[in-house]
Amino acid sequence: MAKWTPEHEAPEPLEGPVVGTITGGTILWFVLFLVQVPFYGWFDDHDLTWWVWTCLAGAGLGLIGIWYVRKRDAAIRRDAAASRTEAATESAGADDAGPATP
């Protein structure tokens, strides 16, 4: 059995408004929970209460997700700033050295 090797390099991952997306999804799960709460009796009569609790769990996990992606974005920004600072320091050091003498 031959090992599969990719024919081309994988593309860079897409970065988008991750915090906004997770926040929107969390709000949606919580709104769905609130819409279903008044009908809890109906869900209970039909053995479908898991629908209500699934929405609440989605909202709770979304809160964890918001915390996580905010920390991730902050870490990415810190790393980018550190890289820029390091690159600026290296280029300034090269400029200060002056022309090389034989």
PDB file of N, CA and C in Angstrom:
ATOM      1  N   MET A   1       0.846  -1.168   0.000  1.00  0.00           N
ATOM      2  CA  MET A   1       0.000   0.000   0.000  1.00  0.00           C
ATOM      3  C   MET A   1       0.894   1.233   0.000  1.00  0.00           C
ATOM      4  N   ALA A   2       0.726   2.053  -0.981  1.00  0.00           N
ATOM      5  CA  ALA A   2       1.561   3.246  -1.129  1.00  0.00           C
ATOM      6  C   ALA A   2       1.069   4.363  -0.216  1.00  0.00           C
ATOM      7  N   LYS A   3       2.022   5.102   0.290  1.00  0.00           N
ATOM      8  CA  LYS A   3       1.673   6.233   1.143  1.00  0.00           C
ATOM      9  C   LYS A   3       1.274   7.410   0.255  1.00  0.00           C
ATOM     10  N   TRP A   4       0.180   8.053   0.629  1.00  0.00           N
ATOM     11  CA  TRP A   4      -0.292   9.193  -0.145  1.00  0.00           C
ATOM     12  C   TRP A   4       0.504  10.434   0.225  1.00  0.00           C
ATOM     13  N   THR A   5       0.944  11.162  -0.779  1.00  0.00           N
ATOM     14  CA  THR A   5       1.626  12.430  -0.538  1.00  0.00           C
ATOM     15  C   THR A   5       0.884  13.519  -1.314  1.00  0.00           C
ATOM     16  N   PRO A   6       0.701  14.669  -0.699  1.00  0.00           N
ATOM     17  CA  PRO A   6      -0.027  15.736  -1.387  1.00  0.00           C
ATOM     18  C   PRO A   6       0.755  16.256  -2.592  1.00  0.00           C
ATOM     19  N   GLU A   7       0.027  16.671  -3.612  1.00  0.00           N
ATOM     20  CA  GLU A   7       0.662  17.180  -4.816  1.00  0.00           C
ATOM     21  C   GLU A   7       1.049  18.650  -4.680  1.00  0.00           C
ATOM     22  N   HIS A   8       0.399  19.344  -3.787  1.00  0.00           N
ATOM     23  CA  HIS A   8       0.716  20.765  -3.596  1.00  0.00           C
ATOM     24  C   HIS A   8       0.601  21.112  -2.118  1.00  0.00           C
ATOM     25  N   GLU A   9       1.135  22.249  -1.783  1.00  0.00           N
ATOM     26  CA  GLU A   9       1.138  22.685  -0.395  1.00  0.00           C
ATOM     27  C   GLU A   9      -0.265  23.143   0.026  1.00  0.00           C
ATOM     28  N   ALA A  10      -0.598  22.894   1.263  1.00  0.00           N
ATOM     29  CA  ALA A  10      -1.909  23.294   1.776  1.00  0.00           C
ATOM     30  C   ALA A  10      -1.987  24.820   1.867  1.00  0.00           C
ATOM     31  N   PRO A  11      -3.156  25.397   1.605  1.00  0.00           N
ATOM     32  CA  PRO A  11      -3.285  26.853   1.696  1.00  0.00           C
ATOM     33  C   PRO A  11      -3.267  27.314   3.147  1.00  0.00           C
ATOM     34  N   GLU A  12      -2.955  28.587   3.331  1.00  0.00           N
ATOM     35  CA  GLU A  12      -2.979  29.177   4.666  1.00  0.00           C
ATOM     36  C   GLU A  12      -4.420  29.164   5.185  1.00  0.00           C
ATOM     37  N   PRO A  13      -4.604  28.982   6.493  1.00  0.00           N
ATOM     38  CA  PRO A  13      -5.969  29.003   7.029  1.00  0.00           C
ATOM     39  C   PRO A  13      -6.566  30.405   6.920  1.00  0.00           C
ATOM     40  N   LEU A  14      -7.872  30.454   6.708  1.00  0.00           N
ATOM     41  CA  LEU A  14      -8.554  31.738   6.607  1.00  0.00           C
ATOM     42  C   LEU A  14      -8.772  32.307   7.997  1.00  0.00           C
ATOM     43  N   GLU A  15      -8.472  33.567   8.148  1.00  0.00           N
ATOM     44  CA  GLU A  15      -8.736  34.252   9.411  1.00  0.00           C
ATOM     45  C   GLU A  15      -9.878  35.223   9.160  1.00  0.00           C
ATOM     46  N   GLY A  16     -10.850  35.180  10.010  1.00  0.00           N
ATOM     47  CA  GLY A  16     -11.983  36.081   9.887  1.00  0.00           C
ATOM     48  C   GLY A  16     -12.331  36.653  11.242  1.00  0.00           C
ATOM     49  N   PRO A  17     -13.505  37.218  11.344  1.00  0.00           N
ATOM     50  CA  PRO A  17     -13.931  37.785  12.635  1.00  0.00           C
ATOM     51  C   PRO A  17     -14.361  36.666  13.583  1.00  0.00           C
ATOM     52  N   VAL A  18     -13.387  35.971  14.142  1.00  0.00           N
ATOM     53  CA  VAL A  18     -13.660  34.783  14.948  1.00  0.00           C
ATOM     54  C   VAL A  18     -14.451  35.139  16.208  1.00  0.00           C
ATOM     55  N   VAL A  19     -14.049  36.210  16.895  1.00  0.00           N
ATOM     56  CA  VAL A  19     -14.738  36.581  18.133  1.00  0.00           C
ATOM     57  C   VAL A  19     -16.192  36.938  17.830  1.00  0.00           C
ATOM     58  N   GLY A  20     -16.417  37.686  16.769  1.00  0.00           N
ATOM     59  CA  GLY A  20     -17.779  38.057  16.390  1.00  0.00           C
ATOM     60  C   GLY A  20     -18.629  36.850  16.011  1.00  0.00           C
ATOM     61  N   THR A  21     -18.022  35.902  15.328  1.00  0.00           N
ATOM     62  CA  THR A  21     -18.747  34.702  14.921  1.00  0.00           C
ATOM     63  C   THR A  21     -19.156  33.879  16.135  1.00  0.00           C
ATOM     64  N   ILE A  22     -18.226  33.668  17.054  1.00  0.00           N
ATOM     65  CA  ILE A  22     -18.522  32.886  18.253  1.00  0.00           C
ATOM     66  C   ILE A  22     -19.545  33.611  19.124  1.00  0.00           C
ATOM     67  N   THR A  23     -19.410  34.928  19.235  1.00  0.00           N
ATOM     68  CA  THR A  23     -20.366  35.708  20.028  1.00  0.00           C
ATOM     69  C   THR A  23     -21.759  35.623  19.424  1.00  0.00           C
ATOM     70  N   GLY A  24     -21.841  35.753  18.110  1.00  0.00           N
ATOM     71  CA  GLY A  24     -23.147  35.651  17.437  1.00  0.00           C
ATOM     72  C   GLY A  24     -23.784  34.285  17.642  1.00  0.00           C
ATOM     73  N   GLY A  25     -22.992  33.230  17.530  1.00  0.00           N
ATOM     74  CA  GLY A  25     -23.515  31.888  17.755  1.00  0.00           C
ATOM     75  C   GLY A  25     -23.980  31.683  19.183  1.00  0.00           C
ATOM     76  N   THR A  26     -23.241  32.232  20.133  1.00  0.00           N
ATOM     77  CA  THR A  26     -23.610  32.113  21.547  1.00  0.00           C
ATOM     78  C   THR A  26     -24.927  32.832  21.810  1.00  0.00           C
ATOM     79  N   ILE A  27     -25.067  34.029  21.252  1.00  0.00           N
ATOM     80  CA  ILE A  27     -26.319  34.778  21.413  1.00  0.00           C
ATOM     81  C   ILE A  27     -27.474  34.010  20.797  1.00  0.00           C
ATOM     82  N   LEU A  28     -27.249  33.422  19.633  1.00  0.00           N
ATOM     83  CA  LEU A  28     -28.294  32.640  18.970  1.00  0.00           C
ATOM     84  C   LEU A  28     -28.731  31.455  19.831  1.00  0.00           C
ATOM     85  N   TRP A  29     -27.776  30.719  20.402  1.00  0.00           N
ATOM     86  CA  TRP A  29     -28.130  29.590  21.267  1.00  0.00           C
ATOM     87  C   TRP A  29     -28.935  30.058  22.476  1.00  0.00           C
ATOM     88  N   PHE A  30     -28.537  31.207  23.075  1.00  0.00           N
ATOM     89  CA  PHE A  30     -29.238  31.700  24.256  1.00  0.00           C
ATOM     90  C   PHE A  30     -30.640  32.183  23.902  1.00  0.00           C
ATOM     91  N   VAL A  31     -30.791  32.837  22.755  1.00  0.00           N
ATOM     92  CA  VAL A  31     -32.130  33.272  22.322  1.00  0.00           C
ATOM     93  C   VAL A  31     -33.021  32.059  22.073  1.00  0.00           C
ATOM     94  N   LEU A  32     -32.481  31.029  21.456  1.00  0.00           N
ATOM     95  CA  LEU A  32     -33.270  29.805  21.244  1.00  0.00           C
ATOM     96  C   LEU A  32     -33.693  29.193  22.576  1.00  0.00           C
ATOM     97  N   PHE A  33     -32.804  29.226  23.553  1.00  0.00           N
ATOM     98  CA  PHE A  33     -33.168  28.729  24.880  1.00  0.00           C
ATOM     99  C   PHE A  33     -34.321  29.550  25.457  1.00  0.00           C
ATOM    100  N   LEU A  34     -34.211  30.872  25.395  1.00  0.00           N
ATOM    101  CA  LEU A  34     -35.257  31.733  25.952  1.00  0.00           C
ATOM    102  C   LEU A  34     -36.591  31.565  25.233  1.00  0.00           C
ATOM    103  N   VAL A  35     -36.557  31.329  23.943  1.00  0.00           N
ATOM    104  CA  VAL A  35     -37.798  31.117  23.181  1.00  0.00           C
ATOM    105  C   VAL A  35     -38.466  29.816  23.592  1.00  0.00           C
ATOM    106  N   GLN A  36     -37.691  28.803  23.929  1.00  0.00           N
ATOM    107  CA  GLN A  36     -38.244  27.499  24.257  1.00  0.00           C
ATOM    108  C   GLN A  36     -38.700  27.378  25.708  1.00  0.00           C
ATOM    109  N   VAL A  37     -38.185  28.202  26.601  1.00  0.00           N
ATOM    110  CA  VAL A  37     -38.511  28.074  28.024  1.00  0.00           C
ATOM    111  C   VAL A  37     -40.024  28.186  28.295  1.00  0.00           C
ATOM    112  N   PRO A  38     -40.750  29.135  27.678  1.00  0.00           N
ATOM    113  CA  PRO A  38     -42.192  29.198  27.955  1.00  0.00           C
ATOM    114  C   PRO A  38     -42.958  27.935  27.529  1.00  0.00           C
ATOM    115  N   PHE A  39     -42.400  27.178  26.626  1.00  0.00           N
ATOM    116  CA  PHE A  39     -43.053  25.964  26.131  1.00  0.00           C
ATOM    117  C   PHE A  39     -42.476  24.702  26.759  1.00  0.00           C
ATOM    118  N   TYR A  40     -41.837  24.858  27.905  1.00  0.00           N
ATOM    119  CA  TYR A  40     -41.183  23.715  28.547  1.00  0.00           C
ATOM    120  C   TYR A  40     -42.173  22.574  28.814  1.00  0.00           C
ATOM    121  N   GLY A  41     -43.403  22.926  29.201  1.00  0.00           N
ATOM    122  CA  GLY A  41     -44.422  21.895  29.447  1.00  0.00           C
ATOM    123  C   GLY A  41     -44.688  21.051  28.210  1.00  0.00           C
ATOM    124  N   TRP A  42     -44.782  21.693  27.075  1.00  0.00           N
ATOM    125  CA  TRP A  42     -45.021  20.959  25.831  1.00  0.00           C
ATOM    126  C   TRP A  42     -43.837  20.041  25.535  1.00  0.00           C
ATOM    127  N   PHE A  43     -42.620  20.565  25.684  1.00  0.00           N
ATOM    128  CA  PHE A  43     -41.434  19.741  25.446  1.00  0.00           C
ATOM    129  C   PHE A  43     -41.393  18.555  26.420  1.00  0.00           C
ATOM    130  N   ASP A  44     -41.812  18.798  27.678  1.00  0.00           N
ATOM    131  CA  ASP A  44     -41.824  17.736  28.678  1.00  0.00           C
ATOM    132  C   ASP A  44     -42.860  16.675  28.325  1.00  0.00           C
ATOM    133  N   ASP A  45     -44.032  17.096  27.863  1.00  0.00           N
ATOM    134  CA  ASP A  45     -45.080  16.143  27.474  1.00  0.00           C
ATOM    135  C   ASP A  45     -44.647  15.254  26.317  1.00  0.00           C
ATOM    136  N   HIS A  46     -43.820  15.758  25.443  1.00  0.00           N
ATOM    137  CA  HIS A  46     -43.386  15.008  24.266  1.00  0.00           C
ATOM    138  C   HIS A  46     -41.975  14.420  24.413  1.00  0.00           C
ATOM    139  N   ASP A  47     -41.465  14.413  25.644  1.00  0.00           N
ATOM    140  CA  ASP A  47     -40.119  13.893  25.920  1.00  0.00           C
ATOM    141  C   ASP A  47     -39.052  14.537  25.039  1.00  0.00           C
ATOM    142  N   LEU A  48     -39.138  15.860  24.883  1.00  0.00           N
ATOM    143  CA  LEU A  48     -38.176  16.599  24.077  1.00  0.00           C
ATOM    144  C   LEU A  48     -37.480  17.702  24.876  1.00  0.00           C
ATOM    145  N   THR A  49     -37.394  17.529  26.188  1.00  0.00           N
ATOM    146  CA  THR A  49     -36.749  18.572  27.002  1.00  0.00           C
ATOM    147  C   THR A  49     -35.271  18.733  26.672  1.00  0.00           C
ATOM    148  N   TRP A  50     -34.694  17.722  26.043  1.00  0.00           N
ATOM    149  CA  TRP A  50     -33.286  17.819  25.675  1.00  0.00           C
ATOM    150  C   TRP A  50     -33.052  18.964  24.692  1.00  0.00           C
ATOM    151  N   TRP A  51     -34.095  19.361  23.932  1.00  0.00           N
ATOM    152  CA  TRP A  51     -33.956  20.503  23.023  1.00  0.00           C
ATOM    153  C   TRP A  51     -33.643  21.767  23.808  1.00  0.00           C
ATOM    154  N   VAL A  52     -34.382  21.959  24.900  1.00  0.00           N
ATOM    155  CA  VAL A  52     -34.193  23.153  25.728  1.00  0.00           C
ATOM    156  C   VAL A  52     -32.794  23.148  26.334  1.00  0.00           C
ATOM    157  N   TRP A  53     -32.412  22.013  26.905  1.00  0.00           N
ATOM    158  CA  TRP A  53     -31.120  21.940  27.587  1.00  0.00           C
ATOM    159  C   TRP A  53     -29.955  21.970  26.608  1.00  0.00           C
ATOM    160  N   THR A  54     -30.177  21.501  25.391  1.00  0.00           N
ATOM    161  CA  THR A  54     -29.133  21.594  24.376  1.00  0.00           C
ATOM    162  C   THR A  54     -28.835  23.051  24.050  1.00  0.00           C
ATOM    163  N   CYS A  55     -29.881  23.871  23.947  1.00  0.00           N
ATOM    164  CA  CYS A  55     -29.678  25.299  23.672  1.00  0.00           C
ATOM    165  C   CYS A  55     -28.940  25.977  24.821  1.00  0.00           C
ATOM    166  N   LEU A  56     -29.281  25.626  26.049  1.00  0.00           N
ATOM    167  CA  LEU A  56     -28.584  26.208  27.190  1.00  0.00           C
ATOM    168  C   LEU A  56     -27.120  25.754  27.221  1.00  0.00           C
ATOM    169  N   ALA A  57     -26.880  24.484  26.915  1.00  0.00           N
ATOM    170  CA  ALA A  57     -25.504  23.989  26.860  1.00  0.00           C
ATOM    171  C   ALA A  57     -24.722  24.687  25.749  1.00  0.00           C
ATOM    172  N   GLY A  58     -25.369  24.926  24.608  1.00  0.00           N
ATOM    173  CA  GLY A  58     -24.710  25.648  23.517  1.00  0.00           C
ATOM    174  C   GLY A  58     -24.320  27.052  23.927  1.00  0.00           C
ATOM    175  N   ALA A  59     -25.205  27.719  24.669  1.00  0.00           N
ATOM    176  CA  ALA A  59     -24.891  29.067  25.156  1.00  0.00           C
ATOM    177  C   ALA A  59     -23.741  29.027  26.160  1.00  0.00           C
ATOM    178  N   GLY A  60     -23.754  28.056  27.051  1.00  0.00           N
ATOM    179  CA  GLY A  60     -22.677  27.942  28.042  1.00  0.00           C
ATOM    180  C   GLY A  60     -21.341  27.629  27.399  1.00  0.00           C
ATOM    181  N   LEU A  61     -21.336  26.697  26.452  1.00  0.00           N
ATOM    182  CA  LEU A  61     -20.093  26.375  25.756  1.00  0.00           C
ATOM    183  C   LEU A  61     -19.638  27.540  24.890  1.00  0.00           C
ATOM    184  N   GLY A  62     -20.603  28.304  24.384  1.00  0.00           N
ATOM    185  CA  GLY A  62     -20.252  29.495  23.614  1.00  0.00           C
ATOM    186  C   GLY A  62     -19.528  30.523  24.466  1.00  0.00           C
ATOM    187  N   LEU A  63     -19.924  30.653  25.732  1.00  0.00           N
ATOM    188  CA  LEU A  63     -19.223  31.575  26.635  1.00  0.00           C
ATOM    189  C   LEU A  63     -17.776  31.149  26.823  1.00  0.00           C
ATOM    190  N   ILE A  64     -17.561  29.840  26.951  1.00  0.00           N
ATOM    191  CA  ILE A  64     -16.194  29.327  27.040  1.00  0.00           C
ATOM    192  C   ILE A  64     -15.455  29.617  25.734  1.00  0.00           C
ATOM    193  N   GLY A  65     -16.152  29.443  24.611  1.00  0.00           N
ATOM    194  CA  GLY A  65     -15.546  29.722  23.309  1.00  0.00           C
ATOM    195  C   GLY A  65     -15.168  31.178  23.149  1.00  0.00           C
ATOM    196  N   ILE A  66     -16.015  32.087  23.623  1.00  0.00           N
ATOM    197  CA  ILE A  66     -15.699  33.516  23.546  1.00  0.00           C
ATOM    198  C   ILE A  66     -14.435  33.806  24.341  1.00  0.00           C
ATOM    199  N   TRP A  67     -14.357  33.265  25.537  1.00  0.00           N
ATOM    200  CA  TRP A  67     -13.162  33.452  26.370  1.00  0.00           C
ATOM    201  C   TRP A  67     -11.922  32.939  25.639  1.00  0.00           C
ATOM    202  N   TYR A  68     -12.041  31.752  25.040  1.00  0.00           N
ATOM    203  CA  TYR A  68     -10.909  31.123  24.376  1.00  0.00           C
ATOM    204  C   TYR A  68     -10.435  31.938  23.169  1.00  0.00           C
ATOM    205  N   VAL A  69     -11.366  32.344  22.286  1.00  0.00           N
ATOM    206  CA  VAL A  69     -10.942  33.046  21.075  1.00  0.00           C
ATOM    207  C   VAL A  69     -10.430  34.451  21.385  1.00  0.00           C
ATOM    208  N   ARG A  70     -10.936  35.074  22.440  1.00  0.00           N
ATOM    209  CA  ARG A  70     -10.397  36.379  22.827  1.00  0.00           C
ATOM    210  C   ARG A  70      -8.953  36.232  23.306  1.00  0.00           C
ATOM    211  N   LYS A  71      -8.684  35.188  24.107  1.00  0.00           N
ATOM    212  CA  LYS A  71      -7.309  34.932  24.549  1.00  0.00           C
ATOM    213  C   LYS A  71      -6.412  34.622  23.347  1.00  0.00           C
ATOM    214  N   ARG A  72      -6.922  33.841  22.400  1.00  0.00           N
ATOM    215  CA  ARG A  72      -6.166  33.470  21.205  1.00  0.00           C
ATOM    216  C   ARG A  72      -5.840  34.705  20.375  1.00  0.00           C
ATOM    217  N   ASP A  73      -6.825  35.566  20.146  1.00  0.00           N
ATOM    218  CA  ASP A  73      -6.576  36.793  19.382  1.00  0.00           C
ATOM    219  C   ASP A  73      -5.550  37.681  20.076  1.00  0.00           C
ATOM    220  N   ALA A  74      -5.637  37.787  21.393  1.00  0.00           N
ATOM    221  CA  ALA A  74      -4.671  38.593  22.137  1.00  0.00           C
ATOM    222  C   ALA A  74      -3.270  38.012  21.988  1.00  0.00           C
ATOM    223  N   ALA A  75      -3.147  36.688  22.040  1.00  0.00           N
ATOM    224  CA  ALA A  75      -1.837  36.046  21.888  1.00  0.00           C
ATOM    225  C   ALA A  75      -1.287  36.257  20.480  1.00  0.00           C
ATOM    226  N   ILE A  76      -2.138  36.192  19.473  1.00  0.00           N
ATOM    227  CA  ILE A  76      -1.701  36.417  18.094  1.00  0.00           C
ATOM    228  C   ILE A  76      -1.213  37.857  17.936  1.00  0.00           C
ATOM    229  N   ARG A  77      -1.958  38.810  18.508  1.00  0.00           N
ATOM    230  CA  ARG A  77      -1.541  40.214  18.423  1.00  0.00           C
ATOM    231  C   ARG A  77      -0.213  40.452  19.156  1.00  0.00           C
ATOM    232  N   ARG A  78      -0.057  39.823  20.333  1.00  0.00           N
ATOM    233  CA  ARG A  78       1.197  39.962  21.078  1.00  0.00           C
ATOM    234  C   ARG A  78       2.368  39.412  20.285  1.00  0.00           C
ATOM    235  N   ASP A  79       2.177  38.258  19.664  1.00  0.00           N
ATOM    236  CA  ASP A  79       3.235  37.644  18.878  1.00  0.00           C
ATOM    237  C   ASP A  79       3.586  38.509  17.674  1.00  0.00           C
ATOM    238  N   ALA A  80       2.583  39.061  17.008  1.00  0.00           N
ATOM    239  CA  ALA A  80       2.835  39.923  15.853  1.00  0.00           C
ATOM    240  C   ALA A  80       3.587  41.180  16.280  1.00  0.00           C
ATOM    241  N   ALA A  81       3.209  41.758  17.410  1.00  0.00           N
ATOM    242  CA  ALA A  81       3.899  42.957  17.904  1.00  0.00           C
ATOM    243  C   ALA A  81       5.339  42.631  18.277  1.00  0.00           C
ATOM    244  N   ALA A  82       5.552  41.489  18.904  1.00  0.00           N
ATOM    245  CA  ALA A  82       6.911  41.088  19.269  1.00  0.00           C
ATOM    246  C   ALA A  82       7.751  40.849  18.020  1.00  0.00           C
ATOM    247  N   SER A  83       7.167  40.259  16.998  1.00  0.00           N
ATOM    248  CA  SER A  83       7.893  40.017  15.750  1.00  0.00           C
ATOM    249  C   SER A  83       8.263  41.332  15.081  1.00  0.00           C
ATOM    250  N   ARG A  84       7.327  42.293  15.077  1.00  0.00           N
ATOM    251  CA  ARG A  84       7.616  43.604  14.491  1.00  0.00           C
ATOM    252  C   ARG A  84       8.723  44.311  15.269  1.00  0.00           C
ATOM    253  N   THR A  85       8.658  44.240  16.590  1.00  0.00           N
ATOM    254  CA  THR A  85       9.675  44.879  17.425  1.00  0.00           C
ATOM    255  C   THR A  85      11.040  44.237  17.186  1.00  0.00           C
ATOM    256  N   GLU A  86      11.052  42.910  17.104  1.00  0.00           N
ATOM    257  CA  GLU A  86      12.307  42.199  16.866  1.00  0.00           C
ATOM    258  C   GLU A  86      12.873  42.538  15.494  1.00  0.00           C
ATOM    259  N   ALA A  87      12.016  42.602  14.490  1.00  0.00           N
ATOM    260  CA  ALA A  87      12.476  42.936  13.142  1.00  0.00           C
ATOM    261  C   ALA A  87      12.993  44.371  13.096  1.00  0.00           C
ATOM    262  N   ALA A  88      12.329  45.277  13.786  1.00  0.00           N
ATOM    263  CA  ALA A  88      12.774  46.674  13.815  1.00  0.00           C
ATOM    264  C   ALA A  88      14.114  46.795  14.531  1.00  0.00           C
ATOM    265  N   THR A  89      14.299  46.039  15.608  1.00  0.00           N
ATOM    266  CA  THR A  89      15.560  46.065  16.347  1.00  0.00           C
ATOM    267  C   THR A  89      16.701  45.519  15.489  1.00  0.00           C
ATOM    268  N   GLU A  90      16.439  44.442  14.769  1.00  0.00           N
ATOM    269  CA  GLU A  90      17.467  43.854  13.906  1.00  0.00           C
ATOM    270  C   GLU A  90      17.842  44.794  12.772  1.00  0.00           C
ATOM    271  N   SER A  91      16.849  45.444  12.162  1.00  0.00           N
ATOM    272  CA  SER A  91      17.153  46.351  11.058  1.00  0.00           C
ATOM    273  C   SER A  91      17.868  47.597  11.567  1.00  0.00           C
ATOM    274  N   ALA A  92      17.527  48.049  12.761  1.00  0.00           N
ATOM    275  CA  ALA A  92      18.226  49.204  13.328  1.00  0.00           C
ATOM    276  C   ALA A  92      19.669  48.838  13.645  1.00  0.00           C
ATOM    277  N   GLY A  93      19.904  47.639  14.111  1.00  0.00           N
ATOM    278  CA  GLY A  93      21.258  47.183  14.400  1.00  0.00           C
ATOM    279  C   GLY A  93      22.091  47.084  13.140  1.00  0.00           C
ATOM    280  N   ALA A  94      21.477  46.660  12.051  1.00  0.00           N
ATOM    281  CA  ALA A  94      22.186  46.549  10.776  1.00  0.00           C
ATOM    282  C   ALA A  94      22.510  47.931  10.231  1.00  0.00           C
ATOM    283  N   ASP A  95      21.634  48.911  10.433  1.00  0.00           N
ATOM    284  CA  ASP A  95      21.863  50.270   9.964  1.00  0.00           C
ATOM    285  C   ASP A  95      22.987  50.927  10.750  1.00  0.00           C
ATOM    286  N   ASP A  96      23.091  50.632  12.037  1.00  0.00           N
ATOM    287  CA  ASP A  96      24.113  51.239  12.887  1.00  0.00           C
ATOM    288  C   ASP A  96      25.503  50.694  12.590  1.00  0.00           C
ATOM    289  N   ALA A  97      25.579  49.516  12.026  1.00  0.00           N
ATOM    290  CA  ALA A  97      26.878  48.896  11.775  1.00  0.00           C
ATOM    291  C   ALA A  97      27.665  49.642  10.707  1.00  0.00           C
ATOM    292  N   GLY A  98      26.954  50.263   9.790  1.00  0.00           N
ATOM    293  CA  GLY A  98      27.629  51.011   8.734  1.00  0.00           C
ATOM    294  C   GLY A  98      28.186  50.081   7.661  1.00  0.00           C
ATOM    295  N   PRO A  99      28.883  50.624   6.701  1.00  0.00           N
ATOM    296  CA  PRO A  99      29.419  49.782   5.634  1.00  0.00           C
ATOM    297  C   PRO A  99      30.552  48.906   6.148  1.00  0.00           C
ATOM    298  N   ALA A 100      30.639  47.755   5.570  1.00  0.00           N
ATOM    299  CA  ALA A 100      31.695  46.827   5.964  1.00  0.00           C
ATOM    300  C   ALA A 100      33.023  47.291   5.391  1.00  0.00           C
ATOM    301  N   THR A 101      34.090  47.210   6.202  1.00  0.00           N
ATOM    302  CA  THR A 101      35.423  47.593   5.725  1.00  0.00           C
ATOM    303  C   THR A 101      36.237  46.340   5.475  1.00  0.00           C
ATOM    304  N   PRO A 102      36.960  46.301   4.367  1.00  0.00           N
ATOM    305  CA  PRO A 102      37.780  45.112   4.073  1.00  0.00           C
ATOM    306  C   PRO A 102      39.007  45.012   4.901  1.00  0.00           C
TER     307      PRO A 102
END
